[in-house]
């Protein structure tokens, strides 16, 4: 037994340290580690959703609709690619001043025989 203690003095020391320190600090570390992982599993998808939302809003703000022909253009072009109308005055045109009958298209249904 005395030979075993002399030969494995470091092993016994480290084993005692592990048996004393791990129950005191190890359980707390393990709980914190698991809670941090669960927190990351919740926050990373939330962060991705926020980034997609911001990207979509940024993309949506670059879309211009021509009020002359109704075509959609993406980017910062000054003129419509279809009719050549000026797209810079889009913010100056107030859609609330128009009558609803001017901005809607009435379609009459016909029976096809």
PDB file of N, CA and C in Angstrom:
ATOM      1  N   UNK A   1       0.813  -1.186   0.000  1.00  0.00           N
ATOM      2  CA  UNK A   1       0.000   0.000   0.000  1.00  0.00           C
ATOM      3  C   UNK A   1       0.860   1.254   0.000  1.00  0.00           C
ATOM      4  N   UNK A   2       1.939   1.212   0.799  1.00  0.00           N
ATOM      5  CA  UNK A   2       2.832   2.350   0.893  1.00  0.00           C
ATOM      6  C   UNK A   2       3.490   2.614  -0.466  1.00  0.00           C
ATOM      7  N   UNK A   3       3.835   1.536  -1.199  1.00  0.00           N
ATOM      8  CA  UNK A   3       4.428   1.674  -2.527  1.00  0.00           C
ATOM      9  C   UNK A   3       3.421   2.321  -3.489  1.00  0.00           C
ATOM     10  N   UNK A   4       2.151   1.942  -3.401  1.00  0.00           N
ATOM     11  CA  UNK A   4       1.097   2.483  -4.268  1.00  0.00           C
ATOM     12  C   UNK A   4       0.933   3.992  -4.054  1.00  0.00           C
ATOM     13  N   UNK A   5       0.988   4.410  -2.787  1.00  0.00           N
ATOM     14  CA  UNK A   5       0.837   5.829  -2.469  1.00  0.00           C
ATOM     15  C   UNK A   5       2.027   6.618  -2.992  1.00  0.00           C
ATOM     16  N   UNK A   6       3.228   6.086  -2.877  1.00  0.00           N
ATOM     17  CA  UNK A   6       4.415   6.784  -3.362  1.00  0.00           C
ATOM     18  C   UNK A   6       4.418   6.860  -4.881  1.00  0.00           C
ATOM     19  N   UNK A   7       4.016   5.790  -5.542  1.00  0.00           N
ATOM     20  CA  UNK A   7       4.060   5.743  -6.998  1.00  0.00           C
ATOM     21  C   UNK A   7       2.970   6.600  -7.630  1.00  0.00           C
ATOM     22  N   UNK A   8       1.847   6.661  -7.000  1.00  0.00           N
ATOM     23  CA  UNK A   8       0.709   7.364  -7.596  1.00  0.00           C
ATOM     24  C   UNK A   8       0.290   8.577  -6.777  1.00  0.00           C
ATOM     25  N   UNK A   9       1.274   9.318  -6.274  1.00  0.00           N
ATOM     26  CA  UNK A   9       0.980  10.471  -5.439  1.00  0.00           C
ATOM     27  C   UNK A   9       0.212  11.546  -6.224  1.00  0.00           C
ATOM     28  N   UNK A  10       0.606  11.791  -7.459  1.00  0.00           N
ATOM     29  CA  UNK A  10      -0.082  12.787  -8.288  1.00  0.00           C
ATOM     30  C   UNK A  10      -1.496  12.336  -8.632  1.00  0.00           C
ATOM     31  N   UNK A  11      -1.659  11.058  -8.903  1.00  0.00           N
ATOM     32  CA  UNK A  11      -2.970  10.528  -9.241  1.00  0.00           C
ATOM     33  C   UNK A  11      -3.945  10.686  -8.077  1.00  0.00           C
ATOM     34  N   UNK A  12      -3.469  10.389  -6.883  1.00  0.00           N
ATOM     35  CA  UNK A  12      -4.321  10.518  -5.692  1.00  0.00           C
ATOM     36  C   UNK A  12      -4.642  11.991  -5.430  1.00  0.00           C
ATOM     37  N   UNK A  13      -3.670  12.864  -5.608  1.00  0.00           N
ATOM     38  CA  UNK A  13      -3.887  14.294  -5.390  1.00  0.00           C
ATOM     39  C   UNK A  13      -4.938  14.833  -6.357  1.00  0.00           C
ATOM     40  N   UNK A  14      -4.764  14.512  -7.633  1.00  0.00           N
ATOM     41  CA  UNK A  14      -5.724  14.990  -8.629  1.00  0.00           C
ATOM     42  C   UNK A  14      -7.101  14.363  -8.437  1.00  0.00           C
ATOM     43  N   UNK A  15      -7.144  13.114  -8.016  1.00  0.00           N
ATOM     44  CA  UNK A  15      -8.437  12.462  -7.763  1.00  0.00           C
ATOM     45  C   UNK A  15      -9.166  13.128  -6.606  1.00  0.00           C
ATOM     46  N   UNK A  16      -8.432  13.469  -5.542  1.00  0.00           N
ATOM     47  CA  UNK A  16      -9.060  14.163  -4.419  1.00  0.00           C
ATOM     48  C   UNK A  16      -9.551  15.559  -4.819  1.00  0.00           C
ATOM     49  N   UNK A  17      -8.743  16.235  -5.612  1.00  0.00           N
ATOM     50  CA  UNK A  17      -9.163  17.566  -6.072  1.00  0.00           C
ATOM     51  C   UNK A  17     -10.441  17.444  -6.906  1.00  0.00           C
ATOM     52  N   UNK A  18     -10.478  16.473  -7.797  1.00  0.00           N
ATOM     53  CA  UNK A  18     -11.659  16.276  -8.643  1.00  0.00           C
ATOM     54  C   UNK A  18     -12.867  15.909  -7.800  1.00  0.00           C
ATOM     55  N   UNK A  19     -12.691  15.032  -6.827  1.00  0.00           N
ATOM     56  CA  UNK A  19     -13.818  14.606  -6.002  1.00  0.00           C
ATOM     57  C   UNK A  19     -14.336  15.718  -5.082  1.00  0.00           C
ATOM     58  N   UNK A  20     -13.477  16.666  -4.740  1.00  0.00           N
ATOM     59  CA  UNK A  20     -13.910  17.766  -3.869  1.00  0.00           C
ATOM     60  C   UNK A  20     -14.416  18.964  -4.686  1.00  0.00           C
ATOM     61  N   UNK A  21     -13.717  19.309  -5.753  1.00  0.00           N
ATOM     62  CA  UNK A  21     -14.038  20.526  -6.509  1.00  0.00           C
ATOM     63  C   UNK A  21     -15.230  20.327  -7.438  1.00  0.00           C
ATOM     64  N   UNK A  22     -15.312  19.205  -8.123  1.00  0.00           N
ATOM     65  CA  UNK A  22     -16.385  18.976  -9.105  1.00  0.00           C
ATOM     66  C   UNK A  22     -17.766  19.030  -8.459  1.00  0.00           C
ATOM     67  N   UNK A  23     -18.016  18.388  -7.318  1.00  0.00           N
ATOM     68  CA  UNK A  23     -19.365  18.510  -6.762  1.00  0.00           C
ATOM     69  C   UNK A  23     -19.720  19.933  -6.342  1.00  0.00           C
ATOM     70  N   UNK A  24     -18.742  20.712  -5.966  1.00  0.00           N
ATOM     71  CA  UNK A  24     -19.039  22.078  -5.531  1.00  0.00           C
ATOM     72  C   UNK A  24     -19.257  22.996  -6.735  1.00  0.00           C
ATOM     73  N   UNK A  25     -18.309  22.997  -7.672  1.00  0.00           N
ATOM     74  CA  UNK A  25     -18.362  23.918  -8.801  1.00  0.00           C
ATOM     75  C   UNK A  25     -18.852  23.260 -10.080  1.00  0.00           C
ATOM     76  N   UNK A  26     -18.716  21.980 -10.191  1.00  0.00           N
ATOM     77  CA  UNK A  26     -19.035  21.278 -11.425  1.00  0.00           C
ATOM     78  C   UNK A  26     -20.510  21.286 -11.769  1.00  0.00           C
ATOM     79  N   UNK A  27     -21.369  21.131 -10.792  1.00  0.00           N
ATOM     80  CA  UNK A  27     -22.801  21.117 -11.055  1.00  0.00           C
ATOM     81  C   UNK A  27     -23.259  22.500 -11.501  1.00  0.00           C
ATOM     82  N   UNK A  28     -22.761  23.518 -10.855  1.00  0.00           N
ATOM     83  CA  UNK A  28     -23.096  24.883 -11.256  1.00  0.00           C
ATOM     84  C   UNK A  28     -22.588  25.161 -12.669  1.00  0.00           C
ATOM     85  N   UNK A  29     -21.378  24.735 -12.974  1.00  0.00           N
ATOM     86  CA  UNK A  29     -20.826  24.915 -14.322  1.00  0.00           C
ATOM     87  C   UNK A  29     -21.661  24.166 -15.353  1.00  0.00           C
ATOM     88  N   UNK A  30     -22.051  22.956 -15.037  1.00  0.00           N
ATOM     89  CA  UNK A  30     -22.830  22.145 -15.966  1.00  0.00           C
ATOM     90  C   UNK A  30     -24.205  22.771 -16.228  1.00  0.00           C
ATOM     91  N   UNK A  31     -24.846  23.280 -15.188  1.00  0.00           N
ATOM     92  CA  UNK A  31     -26.154  23.934 -15.354  1.00  0.00           C
ATOM     93  C   UNK A  31     -26.005  25.214 -16.170  1.00  0.00           C
ATOM     94  N   UNK A  32     -24.979  25.993 -15.897  1.00  0.00           N
ATOM     95  CA  UNK A  32     -24.751  27.219 -16.675  1.00  0.00           C
ATOM     96  C   UNK A  32     -24.432  26.911 -18.123  1.00  0.00           C
ATOM     97  N   UNK A  33     -23.670  25.877 -18.347  1.00  0.00           N
ATOM     98  CA  UNK A  33     -23.313  25.482 -19.711  1.00  0.00           C
ATOM     99  C   UNK A  33     -24.556  25.080 -20.497  1.00  0.00           C
ATOM    100  N   UNK A  34     -25.425  24.272 -19.897  1.00  0.00           N
ATOM    101  CA  UNK A  34     -26.658  23.863 -20.568  1.00  0.00           C
ATOM    102  C   UNK A  34     -27.593  25.038 -20.798  1.00  0.00           C
ATOM    103  N   UNK A  35     -27.685  25.934 -19.832  1.00  0.00           N
ATOM    104  CA  UNK A  35     -28.580  27.087 -20.006  1.00  0.00           C
ATOM    105  C   UNK A  35     -28.073  28.024 -21.090  1.00  0.00           C
ATOM    106  N   UNK A  36     -26.752  28.175 -21.208  1.00  0.00           N
ATOM    107  CA  UNK A  36     -26.200  29.006 -22.275  1.00  0.00           C
ATOM    108  C   UNK A  36     -26.458  28.384 -23.644  1.00  0.00           C
ATOM    109  N   UNK A  37     -26.346  27.086 -23.742  1.00  0.00           N
ATOM    110  CA  UNK A  37     -26.631  26.420 -25.014  1.00  0.00           C
ATOM    111  C   UNK A  37     -28.101  26.589 -25.382  1.00  0.00           C
ATOM    112  N   UNK A  38     -29.004  26.408 -24.425  1.00  0.00           N
ATOM    113  CA  UNK A  38     -30.425  26.591 -24.699  1.00  0.00           C
ATOM    114  C   UNK A  38     -30.738  28.036 -25.065  1.00  0.00           C
ATOM    115  N   UNK A  39     -30.076  28.974 -24.419  1.00  0.00           N
ATOM    116  CA  UNK A  39     -30.265  30.382 -24.740  1.00  0.00           C
ATOM    117  C   UNK A  39     -29.823  30.682 -26.171  1.00  0.00           C
ATOM    118  N   UNK A  40     -28.696  30.112 -26.582  1.00  0.00           N
ATOM    119  CA  UNK A  40     -28.228  30.294 -27.958  1.00  0.00           C
ATOM    120  C   UNK A  40     -29.175  29.645 -28.959  1.00  0.00           C
ATOM    121  N   UNK A  41     -29.743  28.508 -28.609  1.00  0.00           N
ATOM    122  CA  UNK A  41     -30.681  27.851 -29.508  1.00  0.00           C
ATOM    123  C   UNK A  41     -31.944  28.676 -29.710  1.00  0.00           C
ATOM    124  N   UNK A  42     -32.276  29.514 -28.750  1.00  0.00           N
ATOM    125  CA  UNK A  42     -33.447  30.374 -28.887  1.00  0.00           C
ATOM    126  C   UNK A  42     -33.077  31.693 -29.563  1.00  0.00           C
ATOM    127  N   UNK A  43     -31.936  32.262 -29.215  1.00  0.00           N
ATOM    128  CA  UNK A  43     -31.588  33.587 -29.703  1.00  0.00           C
ATOM    129  C   UNK A  43     -31.073  33.604 -31.138  1.00  0.00           C
ATOM    130  N   UNK A  44     -30.389  32.558 -31.574  1.00  0.00           N
ATOM    131  CA  UNK A  44     -29.867  32.540 -32.945  1.00  0.00           C
ATOM    132  C   UNK A  44     -30.994  32.559 -33.967  1.00  0.00           C
ATOM    133  N   UNK A  45     -32.043  31.721 -33.848  1.00  0.00           N
ATOM    134  CA  UNK A  45     -33.145  31.851 -34.817  1.00  0.00           C
ATOM    135  C   UNK A  45     -33.851  33.206 -34.731  1.00  0.00           C
ATOM    136  N   UNK A  46     -33.965  33.762 -33.536  1.00  0.00           N
ATOM    137  CA  UNK A  46     -34.578  35.075 -33.394  1.00  0.00           C
ATOM    138  C   UNK A  46     -33.748  36.139 -34.110  1.00  0.00           C
ATOM    139  N   UNK A  47     -32.431  36.055 -33.985  1.00  0.00           N
ATOM    140  CA  UNK A  47     -31.543  36.976 -34.676  1.00  0.00           C
ATOM    141  C   UNK A  47     -31.664  36.817 -36.186  1.00  0.00           C
ATOM    142  N   UNK A  48     -31.759  35.587 -36.669  1.00  0.00           N
ATOM    143  CA  UNK A  48     -31.917  35.351 -38.101  1.00  0.00           C
ATOM    144  C   UNK A  48     -33.237  35.910 -38.618  1.00  0.00           C
ATOM    145  N   UNK A  49     -34.301  35.775 -37.846  1.00  0.00           N
ATOM    146  CA  UNK A  49     -35.602  36.325 -38.252  1.00  0.00           C
ATOM    147  C   UNK A  49     -35.525  37.851 -38.338  1.00  0.00           C
ATOM    148  N   UNK A  50     -34.856  38.472 -37.392  1.00  0.00           N
ATOM    149  CA  UNK A  50     -34.710  39.931 -37.406  1.00  0.00           C
ATOM    150  C   UNK A  50     -33.896  40.368 -38.618  1.00  0.00           C
ATOM    151  N   UNK A  51     -32.816  39.648 -38.938  1.00  0.00           N
ATOM    152  CA  UNK A  51     -31.999  39.996 -40.107  1.00  0.00           C
ATOM    153  C   UNK A  51     -32.777  39.836 -41.407  1.00  0.00           C
ATOM    154  N   UNK A  52     -33.590  38.782 -41.512  1.00  0.00           N
ATOM    155  CA  UNK A  52     -34.411  38.586 -42.714  1.00  0.00           C
ATOM    156  C   UNK A  52     -35.441  39.705 -42.823  1.00  0.00           C
ATOM    157  N   UNK A  53     -36.046  40.084 -41.720  1.00  0.00           N
ATOM    158  CA  UNK A  53     -37.027  41.165 -41.717  1.00  0.00           C
ATOM    159  C   UNK A  53     -36.394  42.486 -42.166  1.00  0.00           C
ATOM    160  N   UNK A  54     -35.211  42.799 -41.647  1.00  0.00           N
ATOM    161  CA  UNK A  54     -34.531  44.031 -42.046  1.00  0.00           C
ATOM    162  C   UNK A  54     -34.122  43.997 -43.506  1.00  0.00           C
ATOM    163  N   UNK A  55     -33.659  42.848 -43.984  1.00  0.00           N
ATOM    164  CA  UNK A  55     -33.307  42.710 -45.394  1.00  0.00           C
ATOM    165  C   UNK A  55     -34.508  42.857 -46.304  1.00  0.00           C
ATOM    166  N   UNK A  56     -35.625  42.275 -45.907  1.00  0.00           N
ATOM    167  CA  UNK A  56     -36.850  42.387 -46.701  1.00  0.00           C
ATOM    168  C   UNK A  56     -37.330  43.832 -46.772  1.00  0.00           C
ATOM    169  N   UNK A  57     -37.276  44.546 -45.651  1.00  0.00           N
ATOM    170  CA  UNK A  57     -37.681  45.952 -45.654  1.00  0.00           C
ATOM    171  C   UNK A  57     -36.745  46.803 -46.496  1.00  0.00           C
ATOM    172  N   UNK A  58     -35.466  46.495 -46.460  1.00  0.00           N
ATOM    173  CA  UNK A  58     -34.508  47.229 -47.290  1.00  0.00           C
ATOM    174  C   UNK A  58     -34.779  46.966 -48.771  1.00  0.00           C
ATOM    175  N   UNK A  59     -35.066  45.730 -49.106  1.00  0.00           N
ATOM    176  CA  UNK A  59     -35.374  45.374 -50.500  1.00  0.00           C
ATOM    177  C   UNK A  59     -36.682  46.019 -50.943  1.00  0.00           C
ATOM    178  N   UNK A  60     -37.653  46.041 -50.051  1.00  0.00           N
ATOM    179  CA  UNK A  60     -38.966  46.602 -50.370  1.00  0.00           C
ATOM    180  C   UNK A  60     -38.883  48.105 -50.613  1.00  0.00           C
ATOM    181  N   UNK A  61     -37.988  48.790 -49.923  1.00  0.00           N
ATOM    182  CA  UNK A  61     -37.868  50.230 -50.091  1.00  0.00           C
ATOM    183  C   UNK A  61     -37.241  50.602 -51.429  1.00  0.00           C
ATOM    184  N   UNK A  62     -36.575  49.669 -52.098  1.00  0.00           N
ATOM    185  CA  UNK A  62     -35.940  49.946 -53.385  1.00  0.00           C
ATOM    186  C   UNK A  62     -36.861  49.676 -54.569  1.00  0.00           C
ATOM    187  N   UNK A  63     -38.052  49.178 -54.315  1.00  0.00           N
ATOM    188  CA  UNK A  63     -38.985  48.872 -55.390  1.00  0.00           C
ATOM    189  C   UNK A  63     -39.822  50.107 -55.693  1.00  0.00           C
ATOM    190  N   UNK A  64     -39.829  50.515 -56.963  1.00  0.00           N
ATOM    191  CA  UNK A  64     -40.621  51.655 -57.410  1.00  0.00           C
ATOM    192  C   UNK A  64     -41.681  51.169 -58.379  1.00  0.00           C
ATOM    193  N   UNK A  65     -42.871  51.734 -58.299  1.00  0.00           N
ATOM    194  CA  UNK A  65     -43.950  51.416 -59.222  1.00  0.00           C
ATOM    195  C   UNK A  65     -44.246  52.646 -60.053  1.00  0.00           C
ATOM    196  N   UNK A  66     -44.278  52.478 -61.344  1.00  0.00           N
ATOM    197  CA  UNK A  66     -44.591  53.574 -62.251  1.00  0.00           C
ATOM    198  C   UNK A  66     -46.094  53.825 -62.203  1.00  0.00           C
ATOM    199  N   UNK A  67     -46.470  55.084 -61.991  1.00  0.00           N
ATOM    200  CA  UNK A  67     -47.885  55.420 -61.917  1.00  0.00           C
ATOM    201  C   UNK A  67     -48.489  55.649 -63.299  1.00  0.00           C
ATOM    202  N   UNK A  68     -47.659  55.694 -64.318  1.00  0.00           N
ATOM    203  CA  UNK A  68     -48.193  55.849 -65.667  1.00  0.00           C
ATOM    204  C   UNK A  68     -48.603  54.505 -66.262  1.00  0.00           C
ATOM    205  N   UNK A  69     -47.685  53.532 -66.192  1.00  0.00           N
ATOM    206  CA  UNK A  69     -47.975  52.236 -66.826  1.00  0.00           C
ATOM    207  C   UNK A  69     -48.137  51.096 -65.832  1.00  0.00           C
ATOM    208  N   UNK A  70     -47.717  51.293 -64.574  1.00  0.00           N
ATOM    209  CA  UNK A  70     -47.881  50.267 -63.549  1.00  0.00           C
ATOM    210  C   UNK A  70     -46.755  49.259 -63.465  1.00  0.00           C
ATOM    211  N   UNK A  71     -45.697  49.427 -64.232  1.00  0.00           N
ATOM    212  CA  UNK A  71     -44.587  48.472 -64.172  1.00  0.00           C
ATOM    213  C   UNK A  71     -43.761  48.702 -62.914  1.00  0.00           C
ATOM    214  N   UNK A  72     -43.061  47.663 -62.497  1.00  0.00           N
ATOM    215  CA  UNK A  72     -42.271  47.700 -61.275  1.00  0.00           C
ATOM    216  C   UNK A  72     -40.798  47.732 -61.654  1.00  0.00           C
ATOM    217  N   UNK A  73     -40.054  48.637 -61.044  1.00  0.00           N
ATOM    218  CA  UNK A  73     -38.620  48.694 -61.279  1.00  0.00           C
ATOM    219  C   UNK A  73     -37.897  48.601 -59.945  1.00  0.00           C
ATOM    220  N   UNK A  74     -36.760  47.947 -59.971  1.00  0.00           N
ATOM    221  CA  UNK A  74     -35.953  47.772 -58.766  1.00  0.00           C
ATOM    222  C   UNK A  74     -34.686  48.592 -58.935  1.00  0.00           C
ATOM    223  N   UNK A  75     -34.369  49.372 -57.941  1.00  0.00           N
ATOM    224  CA  UNK A  75     -33.140  50.138 -57.983  1.00  0.00           C
ATOM    225  C   UNK A  75     -33.393  51.623 -57.913  1.00  0.00           C
ATOM    226  N   UNK A  76     -32.406  52.367 -58.349  1.00  0.00           N
ATOM    227  CA  UNK A  76     -32.467  53.814 -58.245  1.00  0.00           C
ATOM    228  C   UNK A  76     -32.579  54.464 -59.621  1.00  0.00           C
ATOM    229  N   UNK A  77     -33.234  53.808 -60.567  1.00  0.00           N
ATOM    230  CA  UNK A  77     -33.382  54.390 -61.896  1.00  0.00           C
ATOM    231  C   UNK A  77     -34.318  55.587 -61.846  1.00  0.00           C
ATOM    232  N   UNK A  78     -34.035  56.584 -62.699  1.00  0.00           N
ATOM    233  CA  UNK A  78     -34.822  57.811 -62.695  1.00  0.00           C
ATOM    234  C   UNK A  78     -36.056  57.705 -63.574  1.00  0.00           C
ATOM    235  N   UNK A  79     -35.985  56.887 -64.630  1.00  0.00           N
ATOM    236  CA  UNK A  79     -37.088  56.788 -65.571  1.00  0.00           C
ATOM    237  C   UNK A  79     -37.598  55.360 -65.637  1.00  0.00           C
ATOM    238  N   UNK A  80     -38.861  55.226 -65.985  1.00  0.00           N
ATOM    239  CA  UNK A  80     -39.483  53.910 -66.145  1.00  0.00           C
ATOM    240  C   UNK A  80     -38.907  53.236 -67.388  1.00  0.00           C
ATOM    241  N   UNK A  81     -38.653  51.951 -67.309  1.00  0.00           N
ATOM    242  CA  UNK A  81     -38.090  51.224 -68.447  1.00  0.00           C
ATOM    243  C   UNK A  81     -39.137  50.945 -69.521  1.00  0.00           C
ATOM    244  N   UNK A  82     -40.411  50.951 -69.145  1.00  0.00           N
ATOM    245  CA  UNK A  82     -41.482  50.696 -70.108  1.00  0.00           C
ATOM    246  C   UNK A  82     -41.905  51.954 -70.860  1.00  0.00           C
ATOM    247  N   UNK A  83     -42.333  52.960 -70.103  1.00  0.00           N
ATOM    248  CA  UNK A  83     -42.920  54.137 -70.743  1.00  0.00           C
ATOM    249  C   UNK A  83     -42.027  55.367 -70.700  1.00  0.00           C
ATOM    250  N   UNK A  84     -40.992  55.366 -69.889  1.00  0.00           N
ATOM    251  CA  UNK A  84     -40.076  56.499 -69.811  1.00  0.00           C
ATOM    252  C   UNK A  84     -40.523  57.597 -68.870  1.00  0.00           C
ATOM    253  N   UNK A  85     -41.547  57.352 -68.075  1.00  0.00           N
ATOM    254  CA  UNK A  85     -42.035  58.367 -67.137  1.00  0.00           C
ATOM    255  C   UNK A  85     -41.018  58.574 -66.019  1.00  0.00           C
ATOM    256  N   UNK A  86     -41.061  59.748 -65.433  1.00  0.00           N
ATOM    257  CA  UNK A  86     -40.138  60.099 -64.371  1.00  0.00           C
ATOM    258  C   UNK A  86     -40.564  59.398 -63.077  1.00  0.00           C
ATOM    259  N   UNK A  87     -39.648  58.621 -62.483  1.00  0.00           N
ATOM    260  CA  UNK A  87     -39.949  57.897 -61.248  1.00  0.00           C
ATOM    261  C   UNK A  87     -39.559  58.670 -59.997  1.00  0.00           C
ATOM    262  N   UNK A  88     -38.836  59.779 -60.161  1.00  0.00           N
ATOM    263  CA  UNK A  88     -38.402  60.549 -59.000  1.00  0.00           C
ATOM    264  C   UNK A  88     -39.561  61.287 -58.347  1.00  0.00           C
ATOM    265  N   UNK A  89     -40.610  61.558 -59.066  1.00  0.00           N
ATOM    266  CA  UNK A  89     -41.743  62.308 -58.525  1.00  0.00           C
ATOM    267  C   UNK A  89     -42.776  61.397 -57.891  1.00  0.00           C
ATOM    268  N   UNK A  90     -42.410  60.168 -57.601  1.00  0.00           N
ATOM    269  CA  UNK A  90     -43.349  59.232 -56.982  1.00  0.00           C
ATOM    270  C   UNK A  90     -43.761  59.722 -55.606  1.00  0.00           C
ATOM    271  N   UNK A  91     -42.821  60.246 -54.855  1.00  0.00           N
ATOM    272  CA  UNK A  91     -43.147  60.704 -53.502  1.00  0.00           C
ATOM    273  C   UNK A  91     -44.012  61.964 -53.541  1.00  0.00           C
ATOM    274  N   UNK A  92     -43.943  62.722 -54.642  1.00  0.00           N
ATOM    275  CA  UNK A  92     -44.738  63.942 -54.739  1.00  0.00           C
ATOM    276  C   UNK A  92     -46.198  63.650 -55.081  1.00  0.00           C
ATOM    277  N   UNK A  93     -46.472  62.527 -55.699  1.00  0.00           N
ATOM    278  CA  UNK A  93     -47.831  62.187 -56.080  1.00  0.00           C
ATOM    279  C   UNK A  93     -48.543  61.633 -54.857  1.00  0.00           C
ATOM    280  N   UNK A  94     -49.639  62.222 -54.527  1.00  0.00           N
ATOM    281  CA  UNK A  94     -50.395  61.767 -53.360  1.00  0.00           C
ATOM    282  C   UNK A  94     -51.562  60.923 -53.845  1.00  0.00           C
ATOM    283  N   UNK A  95     -51.558  59.663 -53.498  1.00  0.00           N
ATOM    284  CA  UNK A  95     -52.592  58.751 -53.952  1.00  0.00           C
ATOM    285  C   UNK A  95     -53.925  58.989 -53.253  1.00  0.00           C
ATOM    286  N   UNK A  96     -53.944  59.678 -52.129  1.00  0.00           N
ATOM    287  CA  UNK A  96     -55.168  59.901 -51.393  1.00  0.00           C
ATOM    288  C   UNK A  96     -56.024  61.007 -52.019  1.00  0.00           C
ATOM    289  N   UNK A  97     -55.433  61.812 -52.895  1.00  0.00           N
ATOM    290  CA  UNK A  97     -56.185  62.872 -53.551  1.00  0.00           C
ATOM    291  C   UNK A  97     -57.043  62.335 -54.696  1.00  0.00           C
ATOM    292  N   UNK A  98     -56.737  61.182 -55.211  1.00  0.00           N
ATOM    293  CA  UNK A  98     -57.472  60.622 -56.336  1.00  0.00           C
ATOM    294  C   UNK A  98     -58.793  60.043 -55.874  1.00  0.00           C
ATOM    295  N   UNK A  99     -59.734  60.039 -56.783  1.00  0.00           N
ATOM    296  CA  UNK A  99     -61.006  59.388 -56.514  1.00  0.00           C
ATOM    297  C   UNK A  99     -60.813  57.880 -56.674  1.00  0.00           C
ATOM    298  N   UNK A 100     -61.538  57.083 -55.912  1.00  0.00           N
ATOM    299  CA  UNK A 100     -61.386  55.635 -56.042  1.00  0.00           C
ATOM    300  C   UNK A 100     -61.724  55.111 -57.439  1.00  0.00           C
ATOM    301  N   UNK A 101     -62.633  55.775 -58.132  1.00  0.00           N
ATOM    302  CA  UNK A 101     -62.988  55.304 -59.472  1.00  0.00           C
ATOM    303  C   UNK A 101     -61.868  55.532 -60.471  1.00  0.00           C
ATOM    304  N   UNK A 102     -60.963  56.478 -60.186  1.00  0.00           N
ATOM    305  CA  UNK A 102     -59.844  56.731 -61.085  1.00  0.00           C
ATOM    306  C   UNK A 102     -58.720  55.710 -60.902  1.00  0.00           C
ATOM    307  N   UNK A 103     -58.600  55.145 -59.713  1.00  0.00           N
ATOM    308  CA  UNK A 103     -57.487  54.243 -59.452  1.00  0.00           C
ATOM    309  C   UNK A 103     -57.874  52.773 -59.528  1.00  0.00           C
ATOM    310  N   UNK A 104     -59.167  52.474 -59.674  1.00  0.00           N
ATOM    311  CA  UNK A 104     -59.570  51.076 -59.797  1.00  0.00           C
ATOM    312  C   UNK A 104     -60.058  50.802 -61.207  1.00  0.00           C
ATOM    313  N   UNK A 105     -59.934  49.592 -61.608  1.00  0.00           N
ATOM    314  CA  UNK A 105     -60.377  49.168 -62.935  1.00  0.00           C
ATOM    315  C   UNK A 105     -61.617  48.314 -62.749  1.00  0.00           C
ATOM    316  N   UNK A 106     -62.680  48.701 -63.436  1.00  0.00           N
ATOM    317  CA  UNK A 106     -63.905  47.930 -63.345  1.00  0.00           C
ATOM    318  C   UNK A 106     -63.908  46.882 -64.451  1.00  0.00           C
ATOM    319  N   UNK A 107     -64.162  45.663 -64.072  1.00  0.00           N
ATOM    320  CA  UNK A 107     -64.200  44.546 -65.017  1.00  0.00           C
ATOM    321  C   UNK A 107     -65.611  43.978 -65.017  1.00  0.00           C
ATOM    322  N   UNK A 108     -66.165  43.833 -66.197  1.00  0.00           N
ATOM    323  CA  UNK A 108     -67.495  43.254 -66.330  1.00  0.00           C
ATOM    324  C   UNK A 108     -67.338  41.791 -66.647  1.00  0.00           C
ATOM    325  N   UNK A 109     -68.027  40.964 -65.918  1.00  0.00           N
ATOM    326  CA  UNK A 109     -67.964  39.529 -66.145  1.00  0.00           C
ATOM    327  C   UNK A 109     -68.873  39.148 -67.308  1.00  0.00           C
ATOM    328  N   UNK A 110     -68.347  38.299 -68.187  1.00  0.00           N
ATOM    329  CA  UNK A 110     -69.112  37.821 -69.319  1.00  0.00           C
ATOM    330  C   UNK A 110     -69.096  36.293 -69.278  1.00  0.00           C
ATOM    331  N   UNK A 111     -70.152  35.731 -69.672  1.00  0.00           N
ATOM    332  CA  UNK A 111     -70.254  34.268 -69.702  1.00  0.00           C
ATOM    333  C   UNK A 111     -69.636  33.761 -71.000  1.00  0.00           C
ATOM    334  N   UNK A 112     -68.732  32.818 -70.881  1.00  0.00           N
ATOM    335  CA  UNK A 112     -68.077  32.244 -72.050  1.00  0.00           C
ATOM    336  C   UNK A 112     -68.874  31.019 -72.489  1.00  0.00           C
ATOM    337  N   UNK A 113     -69.271  30.975 -73.786  1.00  0.00           N
ATOM    338  CA  UNK A 113     -70.050  29.840 -74.289  1.00  0.00           C
ATOM    339  C   UNK A 113     -69.225  28.997 -75.216  1.00  0.00           C
TER     340      UNK A 113
END
